[in-house]
Amino acid sequence: MKANVFIEFYGNQIDEKKFISDAKKLWTDMGNKASDLKSMKLYVKPEDNKVYCVFNEDETGSYYIEQAE
C-alpha cells in the first residue's frame, strides 16, 4: 500500500516528504552528520507557520514553513 499525506493550511498544500526533507536539512545545518540522525518527530503548527522538530529524542529545532507561490 502506498500512502501520501498532505497538510493544507492558509491556501497552501505541502506533502509530508517536504517537511521531512526540510527537517533533515535543519539537522545538518545545525552541524550534525546526516548519518547520526536516528529518529525524528515533527510537529506542524500552522498557526505559528512553523514546524517544531525533536531529533534523536533529545535535540530540538524549528523552522518556518515555506509558503507556496
Protein backbone atom coordinates (compact mmCIF):
# COMPACT_ATOMS: atom_id res chain seq x y z
CA MET A 1 0.00 0.00 0.00
CA LYS A 2 1.21 3.47 -0.83
CA ALA A 3 0.06 6.43 1.24
CA ASN A 4 0.56 10.16 0.84
CA VAL A 5 -0.09 12.79 3.46
CA PHE A 6 -0.67 16.43 2.54
CA ILE A 7 -1.09 19.23 5.02
CA GLU A 8 -3.33 22.05 3.84
CA PHE A 9 -3.45 25.43 5.53
CA TYR A 10 -3.89 29.06 4.56
CA GLY A 11 -4.27 28.18 0.89
CA ASN A 12 -1.11 26.03 0.79
CA GLN A 13 -0.65 22.31 0.35
CA ILE A 14 2.59 20.64 1.41
CA ASP A 15 3.49 16.96 1.09
CA GLU A 16 4.83 15.25 4.22
CA LYS A 17 8.03 14.46 2.30
CA LYS A 18 8.79 18.19 2.09
CA PHE A 19 8.53 18.53 5.87
CA ILE A 20 10.85 15.56 6.34
CA SER A 21 13.46 16.79 3.86
CA ASP A 22 13.40 20.31 5.37
CA ALA A 23 13.85 18.84 8.86
CA LYS A 24 16.80 16.72 7.70
CA LYS A 25 18.36 19.85 6.22
CA LEU A 26 17.87 21.65 9.53
CA TRP A 27 19.63 18.76 11.28
CA THR A 28 22.70 19.05 9.06
CA ASP A 29 22.60 22.87 9.12
CA MET A 30 22.85 22.57 12.92
CA GLY A 31 26.27 20.97 12.38
CA ASN A 32 25.24 17.33 12.68
CA LYS A 33 26.06 14.45 10.34
CA ALA A 34 23.13 13.01 8.38
CA SER A 35 24.22 9.52 9.46
CA ASP A 36 23.81 10.50 13.14
CA LEU A 37 20.07 11.12 12.74
CA LYS A 38 18.31 8.06 14.19
CA SER A 39 14.80 9.40 14.90
CA MET A 40 12.76 12.47 14.19
CA LYS A 41 9.40 13.77 15.39
CA LEU A 42 7.82 16.70 13.58
CA TYR A 43 5.07 18.88 14.98
CA VAL A 44 3.46 21.02 12.29
CA LYS A 45 1.84 24.10 13.79
CA PRO A 46 0.17 26.11 11.01
CA GLU A 47 -0.98 28.90 13.33
CA ASP A 48 2.70 29.65 14.06
CA ASN A 49 3.72 28.91 10.45
CA LYS A 50 6.41 26.64 11.94
CA VAL A 51 7.50 23.05 12.22
CA TYR A 52 8.96 22.01 15.57
CA CYS A 53 11.42 19.11 15.50
CA VAL A 54 12.74 16.63 18.04
CA PHE A 55 15.81 14.79 16.78
CA ASN A 56 17.08 11.58 18.39
CA GLU A 57 14.64 12.06 21.28
CA ASP A 58 16.59 14.96 22.86
CA GLU A 59 17.78 17.63 20.41
CA THR A 60 15.26 20.22 19.24
CA GLY A 61 14.92 22.79 16.50
CA SER A 62 12.31 24.53 14.42
CA TYR A 63 11.89 26.17 11.04
CA TYR A 64 9.31 28.31 9.26
CA ILE A 65 7.08 26.64 6.73
CA GLU A 66 7.83 27.78 3.19
CA GLN A 67 4.80 29.33 1.57
CA ALA A 68 3.87 28.14 -1.92
CA GLU A 69 3.93 30.86 -4.54
